[in-house]
Amino acid sequence: MGEMITKPDANPIILAVCNWFGWGALGYFLMGQKKKALIAAVMFWLLGGITCGALMVPIIAVFAYDAYLLGQKLQNGQSIGENENGLEFLNMIFKD
């Protein structure tokens, strides 16, 4: 397992908005999930390009909601892993 991240001053709404406007990755980067941020940005551009932009909004929405859920855990004083996900199905993509 990787390093645990603790940020009790995290704001879930800001993290979600950052993921929404930051190619699905900025919120992850701010949380400390740098590897996950890179993978999310590549997925956003790759799948968005392949589908001529049709999947960009759904991808951004999923990543924003995931950042919100993880931000809530951080705000509550819990630690998260470097590749931890708030949404269970993302474990297929982001895993240790």
PDB file of N, CA and C in Angstrom:
ATOM      1  N   MET A   1       0.849  -1.180   0.000  1.00  0.00           N
ATOM      2  CA  MET A   1       0.000   0.000   0.000  1.00  0.00           C
ATOM      3  C   MET A   1       0.886   1.231   0.000  1.00  0.00           C
ATOM      4  N   GLY A   2       0.384   2.333  -0.398  1.00  0.00           N
ATOM      5  CA  GLY A   2       1.166   3.555  -0.485  1.00  0.00           C
ATOM      6  C   GLY A   2       1.034   4.423   0.749  1.00  0.00           C
ATOM      7  N   GLU A   3       1.509   5.600   0.608  1.00  0.00           N
ATOM      8  CA  GLU A   3       1.474   6.588   1.675  1.00  0.00           C
ATOM      9  C   GLU A   3       0.036   7.041   1.934  1.00  0.00           C
ATOM     10  N   MET A   4      -0.260   7.286   3.199  1.00  0.00           N
ATOM     11  CA  MET A   4      -1.595   7.761   3.555  1.00  0.00           C
ATOM     12  C   MET A   4      -1.593   9.297   3.554  1.00  0.00           C
ATOM     13  N   ILE A   5      -2.690   9.870   3.092  1.00  0.00           N
ATOM     14  CA  ILE A   5      -2.825  11.322   2.994  1.00  0.00           C
ATOM     15  C   ILE A   5      -3.802  11.788   4.056  1.00  0.00           C
ATOM     16  N   THR A   6      -3.417  12.817   4.799  1.00  0.00           N
ATOM     17  CA  THR A   6      -4.280  13.407   5.817  1.00  0.00           C
ATOM     18  C   THR A   6      -4.333  14.911   5.586  1.00  0.00           C
ATOM     19  N   LYS A   7      -5.512  15.459   5.393  1.00  0.00           N
ATOM     20  CA  LYS A   7      -5.706  16.900   5.195  1.00  0.00           C
ATOM     21  C   LYS A   7      -7.029  17.310   5.825  1.00  0.00           C
ATOM     22  N   PRO A   8      -7.057  17.535   7.126  1.00  0.00           N
ATOM     23  CA  PRO A   8      -8.322  17.887   7.771  1.00  0.00           C
ATOM     24  C   PRO A   8      -8.895  19.233   7.312  1.00  0.00           C
ATOM     25  N   ASP A   9      -8.080  20.056   6.656  1.00  0.00           N
ATOM     26  CA  ASP A   9      -8.570  21.346   6.177  1.00  0.00           C
ATOM     27  C   ASP A   9      -9.127  21.257   4.751  1.00  0.00           C
ATOM     28  N   ALA A  10      -9.247  20.044   4.216  1.00  0.00           N
ATOM     29  CA  ALA A  10      -9.770  19.853   2.857  1.00  0.00           C
ATOM     30  C   ALA A  10     -11.234  20.279   2.774  1.00  0.00           C
ATOM     31  N   ASN A  11     -11.573  20.920   1.668  1.00  0.00           N
ATOM     32  CA  ASN A  11     -12.949  21.329   1.425  1.00  0.00           C
ATOM     33  C   ASN A  11     -13.480  20.491   0.253  1.00  0.00           C
ATOM     34  N   PRO A  12     -14.437  19.589   0.508  1.00  0.00           N
ATOM     35  CA  PRO A  12     -14.922  18.697  -0.552  1.00  0.00           C
ATOM     36  C   PRO A  12     -15.503  19.436  -1.754  1.00  0.00           C
ATOM     37  N   ILE A  13     -16.160  20.539  -1.526  1.00  0.00           N
ATOM     38  CA  ILE A  13     -16.771  21.288  -2.633  1.00  0.00           C
ATOM     39  C   ILE A  13     -15.690  21.889  -3.529  1.00  0.00           C
ATOM     40  N   ILE A  14     -14.664  22.454  -2.919  1.00  0.00           N
ATOM     41  CA  ILE A  14     -13.570  23.034  -3.710  1.00  0.00           C
ATOM     42  C   ILE A  14     -12.845  21.945  -4.499  1.00  0.00           C
ATOM     43  N   LEU A  15     -12.630  20.794  -3.882  1.00  0.00           N
ATOM     44  CA  LEU A  15     -11.970  19.696  -4.585  1.00  0.00           C
ATOM     45  C   LEU A  15     -12.797  19.215  -5.774  1.00  0.00           C
ATOM     46  N   ALA A  16     -14.106  19.125  -5.595  1.00  0.00           N
ATOM     47  CA  ALA A  16     -14.991  18.710  -6.691  1.00  0.00           C
ATOM     48  C   ALA A  16     -14.986  19.733  -7.819  1.00  0.00           C
ATOM     49  N   VAL A  17     -15.051  21.007  -7.472  1.00  0.00           N
ATOM     50  CA  VAL A  17     -15.036  22.072  -8.491  1.00  0.00           C
ATOM     51  C   VAL A  17     -13.692  22.071  -9.230  1.00  0.00           C
ATOM     52  N   CYS A  18     -12.610  21.858  -8.498  1.00  0.00           N
ATOM     53  CA  CYS A  18     -11.291  21.792  -9.131  1.00  0.00           C
ATOM     54  C   CYS A  18     -11.216  20.620 -10.104  1.00  0.00           C
ATOM     55  N   ASN A  19     -11.793  19.490  -9.752  1.00  0.00           N
ATOM     56  CA  ASN A  19     -11.811  18.363 -10.682  1.00  0.00           C
ATOM     57  C   ASN A  19     -12.702  18.668 -11.884  1.00  0.00           C
ATOM     58  N   TRP A  20     -13.790  19.372 -11.657  1.00  0.00           N
ATOM     59  CA  TRP A  20     -14.709  19.697 -12.758  1.00  0.00           C
ATOM     60  C   TRP A  20     -14.032  20.618 -13.776  1.00  0.00           C
ATOM     61  N   PHE A  21     -13.355  21.660 -13.294  1.00  0.00           N
ATOM     62  CA  PHE A  21     -12.752  22.640 -14.198  1.00  0.00           C
ATOM     63  C   PHE A  21     -11.275  22.361 -14.489  1.00  0.00           C
ATOM     64  N   GLY A  22     -10.706  21.334 -13.886  1.00  0.00           N
ATOM     65  CA  GLY A  22      -9.284  21.030 -14.075  1.00  0.00           C
ATOM     66  C   GLY A  22      -9.048  19.714 -14.766  1.00  0.00           C
ATOM     67  N   TRP A  23      -9.799  19.426 -15.817  1.00  0.00           N
ATOM     68  CA  TRP A  23      -9.648  18.228 -16.650  1.00  0.00           C
ATOM     69  C   TRP A  23      -9.803  16.950 -15.853  1.00  0.00           C
ATOM     70  N   GLY A  24     -10.567  16.981 -14.791  1.00  0.00           N
ATOM     71  CA  GLY A  24     -10.792  15.795 -13.981  1.00  0.00           C
ATOM     72  C   GLY A  24      -9.635  15.431 -13.085  1.00  0.00           C
ATOM     73  N   ALA A  25      -8.647  16.334 -12.939  1.00  0.00           N
ATOM     74  CA  ALA A  25      -7.432  15.953 -12.231  1.00  0.00           C
ATOM     75  C   ALA A  25      -6.970  16.936 -11.160  1.00  0.00           C
ATOM     76  N   LEU A  26      -7.321  18.175 -11.234  1.00  0.00           N
ATOM     77  CA  LEU A  26      -6.774  19.184 -10.329  1.00  0.00           C
ATOM     78  C   LEU A  26      -7.121  18.901  -8.866  1.00  0.00           C
ATOM     79  N   GLY A  27      -8.329  18.467  -8.598  1.00  0.00           N
ATOM     80  CA  GLY A  27      -8.729  18.152  -7.229  1.00  0.00           C
ATOM     81  C   GLY A  27      -7.912  17.013  -6.651  1.00  0.00           C
ATOM     82  N   TYR A  28      -7.647  15.995  -7.469  1.00  0.00           N
ATOM     83  CA  TYR A  28      -6.814  14.877  -7.024  1.00  0.00           C
ATOM     84  C   TYR A  28      -5.402  15.359  -6.704  1.00  0.00           C
ATOM     85  N   PHE A  29      -4.881  16.226  -7.556  1.00  0.00           N
ATOM     86  CA  PHE A  29      -3.535  16.755  -7.337  1.00  0.00           C
ATOM     87  C   PHE A  29      -3.469  17.543  -6.025  1.00  0.00           C
ATOM     88  N   LEU A  30      -4.484  18.358  -5.766  1.00  0.00           N
ATOM     89  CA  LEU A  30      -4.513  19.147  -4.531  1.00  0.00           C
ATOM     90  C   LEU A  30      -4.640  18.266  -3.287  1.00  0.00           C
ATOM     91  N   MET A  31      -5.286  17.122  -3.435  1.00  0.00           N
ATOM     92  CA  MET A  31      -5.413  16.178  -2.316  1.00  0.00           C
ATOM     93  C   MET A  31      -4.113  15.448  -2.047  1.00  0.00           C
ATOM     94  N   GLY A  32      -3.240  15.392  -3.036  1.00  0.00           N
ATOM     95  CA  GLY A  32      -2.001  14.651  -2.895  1.00  0.00           C
ATOM     96  C   GLY A  32      -1.991  13.354  -3.672  1.00  0.00           C
ATOM     97  N   GLN A  33      -3.024  13.105  -4.450  1.00  0.00           N
ATOM     98  CA  GLN A  33      -3.102  11.895  -5.266  1.00  0.00           C
ATOM     99  C   GLN A  33      -2.553  12.200  -6.669  1.00  0.00           C
ATOM    100  N   LYS A  34      -1.246  12.423  -6.740  1.00  0.00           N
ATOM    101  CA  LYS A  34      -0.624  12.884  -7.975  1.00  0.00           C
ATOM    102  C   LYS A  34      -0.685  11.857  -9.114  1.00  0.00           C
ATOM    103  N   LYS A  35      -0.430  10.595  -8.811  1.00  0.00           N
ATOM    104  CA  LYS A  35      -0.492   9.553  -9.837  1.00  0.00           C
ATOM    105  C   LYS A  35      -1.921   9.419 -10.380  1.00  0.00           C
ATOM    106  N   LYS A  36      -2.876   9.480  -9.481  1.00  0.00           N
ATOM    107  CA  LYS A  36      -4.281   9.392  -9.879  1.00  0.00           C
ATOM    108  C   LYS A  36      -4.669  10.600 -10.730  1.00  0.00           C
ATOM    109  N   ALA A  37      -4.137  11.770 -10.391  1.00  0.00           N
ATOM    110  CA  ALA A  37      -4.421  12.981 -11.167  1.00  0.00           C
ATOM    111  C   ALA A  37      -3.914  12.842 -12.597  1.00  0.00           C
ATOM    112  N   LEU A  38      -2.716  12.308 -12.755  1.00  0.00           N
ATOM    113  CA  LEU A  38      -2.151  12.129 -14.087  1.00  0.00           C
ATOM    114  C   LEU A  38      -2.975  11.140 -14.909  1.00  0.00           C
ATOM    115  N   ILE A  39      -3.339  10.027 -14.302  1.00  0.00           N
ATOM    116  CA  ILE A  39      -4.145   9.021 -15.006  1.00  0.00           C
ATOM    117  C   ILE A  39      -5.513   9.598 -15.380  1.00  0.00           C
ATOM    118  N   ALA A  40      -6.121  10.364 -14.475  1.00  0.00           N
ATOM    119  CA  ALA A  40      -7.436  10.957 -14.750  1.00  0.00           C
ATOM    120  C   ALA A  40      -7.360  11.948 -15.908  1.00  0.00           C
ATOM    121  N   ALA A  41      -6.314  12.766 -15.951  1.00  0.00           N
ATOM    122  CA  ALA A  41      -6.171  13.735 -17.035  1.00  0.00           C
ATOM    123  C   ALA A  41      -5.977  13.031 -18.379  1.00  0.00           C
ATOM    124  N   VAL A  42      -5.157  11.980 -18.397  1.00  0.00           N
ATOM    125  CA  VAL A  42      -4.940  11.230 -19.634  1.00  0.00           C
ATOM    126  C   VAL A  42      -6.237  10.571 -20.088  1.00  0.00           C
ATOM    127  N   MET A  43      -6.966   9.968 -19.144  1.00  0.00           N
ATOM    128  CA  MET A  43      -8.256   9.346 -19.493  1.00  0.00           C
ATOM    129  C   MET A  43      -9.234  10.371 -20.054  1.00  0.00           C
ATOM    130  N   PHE A  44      -9.282  11.540 -19.417  1.00  0.00           N
ATOM    131  CA  PHE A  44     -10.191  12.598 -19.862  1.00  0.00           C
ATOM    132  C   PHE A  44      -9.917  12.960 -21.319  1.00  0.00           C
ATOM    133  N   TRP A  45      -8.653  13.228 -21.642  1.00  0.00           N
ATOM    134  CA  TRP A  45      -8.321  13.651 -22.998  1.00  0.00           C
ATOM    135  C   TRP A  45      -8.399  12.498 -23.993  1.00  0.00           C
ATOM    136  N   LEU A  46      -7.957  11.326 -23.606  1.00  0.00           N
ATOM    137  CA  LEU A  46      -7.970  10.188 -24.515  1.00  0.00           C
ATOM    138  C   LEU A  46      -9.393   9.758 -24.851  1.00  0.00           C
ATOM    139  N   LEU A  47     -10.203   9.507 -23.833  1.00  0.00           N
ATOM    140  CA  LEU A  47     -11.590   9.081 -24.083  1.00  0.00           C
ATOM    141  C   LEU A  47     -12.425  10.206 -24.687  1.00  0.00           C
ATOM    142  N   GLY A  48     -12.142  11.430 -24.274  1.00  0.00           N
ATOM    143  CA  GLY A  48     -12.854  12.558 -24.870  1.00  0.00           C
ATOM    144  C   GLY A  48     -12.529  12.714 -26.342  1.00  0.00           C
ATOM    145  N   GLY A  49     -11.257  12.507 -26.693  1.00  0.00           N
ATOM    146  CA  GLY A  49     -10.853  12.608 -28.101  1.00  0.00           C
ATOM    147  C   GLY A  49     -11.407  11.488 -28.946  1.00  0.00           C
ATOM    148  N   ILE A  50     -11.367  10.276 -28.400  1.00  0.00           N
ATOM    149  CA  ILE A  50     -11.872   9.116 -29.144  1.00  0.00           C
ATOM    150  C   ILE A  50     -13.366   9.247 -29.420  1.00  0.00           C
ATOM    151  N   THR A  51     -14.104   9.804 -28.470  1.00  0.00           N
ATOM    152  CA  THR A  51     -15.562   9.922 -28.627  1.00  0.00           C
ATOM    153  C   THR A  51     -15.982  11.304 -29.119  1.00  0.00           C
ATOM    154  N   CYS A  52     -15.040  12.069 -29.628  1.00  0.00           N
ATOM    155  CA  CYS A  52     -15.307  13.437 -30.121  1.00  0.00           C
ATOM    156  C   CYS A  52     -15.975  14.300 -29.052  1.00  0.00           C
ATOM    157  N   GLY A  53     -15.576  14.124 -27.827  1.00  0.00           N
ATOM    158  CA  GLY A  53     -16.074  14.958 -26.727  1.00  0.00           C
ATOM    159  C   GLY A  53     -17.319  14.440 -26.037  1.00  0.00           C
ATOM    160  N   ALA A  54     -17.904  13.364 -26.546  1.00  0.00           N
ATOM    161  CA  ALA A  54     -19.162  12.872 -25.987  1.00  0.00           C
ATOM    162  C   ALA A  54     -19.012  12.377 -24.545  1.00  0.00           C
ATOM    163  N   LEU A  55     -17.855  11.844 -24.184  1.00  0.00           N
ATOM    164  CA  LEU A  55     -17.662  11.324 -22.834  1.00  0.00           C
ATOM    165  C   LEU A  55     -17.009  12.315 -21.876  1.00  0.00           C
ATOM    166  N   MET A  56     -16.676  13.502 -22.341  1.00  0.00           N
ATOM    167  CA  MET A  56     -15.968  14.445 -21.478  1.00  0.00           C
ATOM    168  C   MET A  56     -16.796  14.850 -20.249  1.00  0.00           C
ATOM    169  N   VAL A  57     -18.046  15.183 -20.433  1.00  0.00           N
ATOM    170  CA  VAL A  57     -18.878  15.609 -19.301  1.00  0.00           C
ATOM    171  C   VAL A  57     -19.144  14.465 -18.326  1.00  0.00           C
ATOM    172  N   PRO A  58     -19.505  13.266 -18.790  1.00  0.00           N
ATOM    173  CA  PRO A  58     -19.697  12.178 -17.822  1.00  0.00           C
ATOM    174  C   PRO A  58     -18.417  11.835 -17.052  1.00  0.00           C
ATOM    175  N   ILE A  59     -17.280  11.851 -17.724  1.00  0.00           N
ATOM    176  CA  ILE A  59     -16.014  11.553 -17.055  1.00  0.00           C
ATOM    177  C   ILE A  59     -15.734  12.605 -15.985  1.00  0.00           C
ATOM    178  N   ILE A  60     -15.907  13.867 -16.347  1.00  0.00           N
ATOM    179  CA  ILE A  60     -15.669  14.960 -15.397  1.00  0.00           C
ATOM    180  C   ILE A  60     -16.624  14.834 -14.214  1.00  0.00           C
ATOM    181  N   ALA A  61     -17.870  14.504 -14.458  1.00  0.00           N
ATOM    182  CA  ALA A  61     -18.848  14.388 -13.373  1.00  0.00           C
ATOM    183  C   ALA A  61     -18.456  13.275 -12.401  1.00  0.00           C
ATOM    184  N   VAL A  62     -18.016  12.137 -12.917  1.00  0.00           N
ATOM    185  CA  VAL A  62     -17.604  11.019 -12.058  1.00  0.00           C
ATOM    186  C   VAL A  62     -16.390  11.408 -11.233  1.00  0.00           C
ATOM    187  N   PHE A  63     -15.381  12.015 -11.868  1.00  0.00           N
ATOM    188  CA  PHE A  63     -14.177  12.402 -11.145  1.00  0.00           C
ATOM    189  C   PHE A  63     -14.459  13.506 -10.123  1.00  0.00           C
ATOM    190  N   ALA A  64     -15.373  14.416 -10.435  1.00  0.00           N
ATOM    191  CA  ALA A  64     -15.723  15.472  -9.482  1.00  0.00           C
ATOM    192  C   ALA A  64     -16.435  14.884  -8.267  1.00  0.00           C
ATOM    193  N   TYR A  65     -17.346  13.959  -8.495  1.00  0.00           N
ATOM    194  CA  TYR A  65     -18.060  13.335  -7.371  1.00  0.00           C
ATOM    195  C   TYR A  65     -17.110  12.487  -6.524  1.00  0.00           C
ATOM    196  N   ASP A  66     -16.196  11.794  -7.175  1.00  0.00           N
ATOM    197  CA  ASP A  66     -15.200  11.006  -6.451  1.00  0.00           C
ATOM    198  C   ASP A  66     -14.342  11.920  -5.566  1.00  0.00           C
ATOM    199  N   ALA A  67     -13.908  13.049  -6.108  1.00  0.00           N
ATOM    200  CA  ALA A  67     -13.112  14.001  -5.322  1.00  0.00           C
ATOM    201  C   ALA A  67     -13.921  14.538  -4.152  1.00  0.00           C
ATOM    202  N   TYR A  68     -15.210  14.775  -4.362  1.00  0.00           N
ATOM    203  CA  TYR A  68     -16.077  15.252  -3.284  1.00  0.00           C
ATOM    204  C   TYR A  68     -16.147  14.229  -2.150  1.00  0.00           C
ATOM    205  N   LEU A  69     -16.353  12.958  -2.498  1.00  0.00           N
ATOM    206  CA  LEU A  69     -16.433  11.908  -1.475  1.00  0.00           C
ATOM    207  C   LEU A  69     -15.121  11.764  -0.710  1.00  0.00           C
ATOM    208  N   LEU A  70     -14.008  11.808  -1.426  1.00  0.00           N
ATOM    209  CA  LEU A  70     -12.712  11.714  -0.758  1.00  0.00           C
ATOM    210  C   LEU A  70     -12.444  12.948   0.097  1.00  0.00           C
ATOM    211  N   GLY A  71     -12.875  14.112  -0.398  1.00  0.00           N
ATOM    212  CA  GLY A  71     -12.724  15.349   0.376  1.00  0.00           C
ATOM    213  C   GLY A  71     -13.508  15.305   1.677  1.00  0.00           C
ATOM    214  N   GLN A  72     -14.676  14.667   1.648  1.00  0.00           N
ATOM    215  CA  GLN A  72     -15.457  14.514   2.879  1.00  0.00           C
ATOM    216  C   GLN A  72     -14.715  13.657   3.897  1.00  0.00           C
ATOM    217  N   LYS A  73     -14.088  12.579   3.434  1.00  0.00           N
ATOM    218  CA  LYS A  73     -13.309  11.725   4.339  1.00  0.00           C
ATOM    219  C   LYS A  73     -12.161  12.521   4.956  1.00  0.00           C
ATOM    220  N   LEU A  74     -11.461  13.281   4.125  1.00  0.00           N
ATOM    221  CA  LEU A  74     -10.343  14.077   4.630  1.00  0.00           C
ATOM    222  C   LEU A  74     -10.820  15.119   5.635  1.00  0.00           C
ATOM    223  N   GLN A  75     -11.917  15.779   5.318  1.00  0.00           N
ATOM    224  CA  GLN A  75     -12.464  16.809   6.196  1.00  0.00           C
ATOM    225  C   GLN A  75     -12.875  16.230   7.544  1.00  0.00           C
ATOM    226  N   ASN A  76     -13.314  14.982   7.555  1.00  0.00           N
ATOM    227  CA  ASN A  76     -13.720  14.322   8.797  1.00  0.00           C
ATOM    228  C   ASN A  76     -12.537  13.783   9.593  1.00  0.00           C
ATOM    229  N   GLY A  77     -11.320  14.060   9.122  1.00  0.00           N
ATOM    230  CA  GLY A  77     -10.136  13.647   9.850  1.00  0.00           C
ATOM    231  C   GLY A  77      -9.624  12.269   9.502  1.00  0.00           C
ATOM    232  N   GLN A  78     -10.217  11.613   8.516  1.00  0.00           N
ATOM    233  CA  GLN A  78      -9.766  10.290   8.095  1.00  0.00           C
ATOM    234  C   GLN A  78      -8.621  10.438   7.094  1.00  0.00           C
ATOM    235  N   SER A  79      -7.824   9.413   6.973  1.00  0.00           N
ATOM    236  CA  SER A  79      -6.748   9.387   5.988  1.00  0.00           C
ATOM    237  C   SER A  79      -7.214   8.611   4.761  1.00  0.00           C
ATOM    238  N   ILE A  80      -6.657   8.969   3.607  1.00  0.00           N
ATOM    239  CA  ILE A  80      -6.953   8.243   2.374  1.00  0.00           C
ATOM    240  C   ILE A  80      -5.638   7.783   1.756  1.00  0.00           C
ATOM    241  N   GLY A  81      -5.700   6.729   0.974  1.00  0.00           N
ATOM    242  CA  GLY A  81      -4.526   6.226   0.277  1.00  0.00           C
ATOM    243  C   GLY A  81      -4.247   7.029  -0.979  1.00  0.00           C
ATOM    244  N   GLU A  82      -3.044   6.862  -1.519  1.00  0.00           N
ATOM    245  CA  GLU A  82      -2.655   7.594  -2.728  1.00  0.00           C
ATOM    246  C   GLU A  82      -3.560   7.291  -3.917  1.00  0.00           C
ATOM    247  N   ASN A  83      -4.095   6.091  -3.986  1.00  0.00           N
ATOM    248  CA  ASN A  83      -4.968   5.697  -5.096  1.00  0.00           C
ATOM    249  C   ASN A  83      -6.368   5.332  -4.627  1.00  0.00           C
ATOM    250  N   GLU A  84      -6.734   5.744  -3.434  1.00  0.00           N
ATOM    251  CA  GLU A  84      -8.061   5.399  -2.907  1.00  0.00           C
ATOM    252  C   GLU A  84      -9.149   6.094  -3.709  1.00  0.00           C
ATOM    253  N   ASN A  85     -10.292   5.431  -3.792  1.00  0.00           N
ATOM    254  CA  ASN A  85     -11.431   5.961  -4.538  1.00  0.00           C
ATOM    255  C   ASN A  85     -12.644   6.081  -3.636  1.00  0.00           C
ATOM    256  N   GLY A  86     -13.441   7.088  -3.890  1.00  0.00           N
ATOM    257  CA  GLY A  86     -14.701   7.240  -3.182  1.00  0.00           C
ATOM    258  C   GLY A  86     -15.785   6.400  -3.826  1.00  0.00           C
ATOM    259  N   LEU A  87     -15.649   6.142  -5.117  1.00  0.00           N
ATOM    260  CA  LEU A  87     -16.602   5.331  -5.875  1.00  0.00           C
ATOM    261  C   LEU A  87     -15.975   3.973  -6.153  1.00  0.00           C
ATOM    262  N   GLU A  88     -16.653   2.933  -5.747  1.00  0.00           N
ATOM    263  CA  GLU A  88     -16.101   1.578  -5.795  1.00  0.00           C
ATOM    264  C   GLU A  88     -15.696   1.144  -7.207  1.00  0.00           C
ATOM    265  N   PHE A  89     -16.465   1.493  -8.233  1.00  0.00           N
ATOM    266  CA  PHE A  89     -16.156   1.009  -9.576  1.00  0.00           C
ATOM    267  C   PHE A  89     -14.873   1.609 -10.148  1.00  0.00           C
ATOM    268  N   LEU A  90     -14.374   2.701  -9.555  1.00  0.00           N
ATOM    269  CA  LEU A  90     -13.120   3.275 -10.022  1.00  0.00           C
ATOM    270  C   LEU A  90     -11.913   2.438  -9.625  1.00  0.00           C
ATOM    271  N   ASN A  91     -12.129   1.445  -8.765  1.00  0.00           N
ATOM    272  CA  ASN A  91     -11.023   0.556  -8.386  1.00  0.00           C
ATOM    273  C   ASN A  91     -10.522  -0.261  -9.575  1.00  0.00           C
ATOM    274  N   MET A  92     -11.321  -0.361 -10.626  1.00  0.00           N
ATOM    275  CA  MET A  92     -10.864  -1.053 -11.838  1.00  0.00           C
ATOM    276  C   MET A  92      -9.760  -0.263 -12.525  1.00  0.00           C
ATOM    277  N   ILE A  93      -9.763   1.059 -12.355  1.00  0.00           N
ATOM    278  CA  ILE A  93      -8.806   1.937 -13.031  1.00  0.00           C
ATOM    279  C   ILE A  93      -7.669   2.321 -12.096  1.00  0.00           C
ATOM    280  N   PHE A  94      -8.020   2.829 -10.928  1.00  0.00           N
ATOM    281  CA  PHE A  94      -7.042   3.314  -9.965  1.00  0.00           C
ATOM    282  C   PHE A  94      -6.893   2.305  -8.834  1.00  0.00           C
ATOM    283  N   LYS A  95      -5.856   1.539  -8.865  1.00  0.00           N
ATOM    284  CA  LYS A  95      -5.626   0.592  -7.772  1.00  0.00           C
ATOM    285  C   LYS A  95      -4.146   0.588  -7.450  1.00  0.00           C
ATOM    286  N   ASP A  96      -3.840   0.149  -6.248  1.00  0.00           N
ATOM    287  CA  ASP A  96      -2.432   0.113  -5.809  1.00  0.00           C
ATOM    288  C   ASP A  96      -1.691  -1.007  -6.483  1.00  0.00           C
TER     289      ASP A  96
END
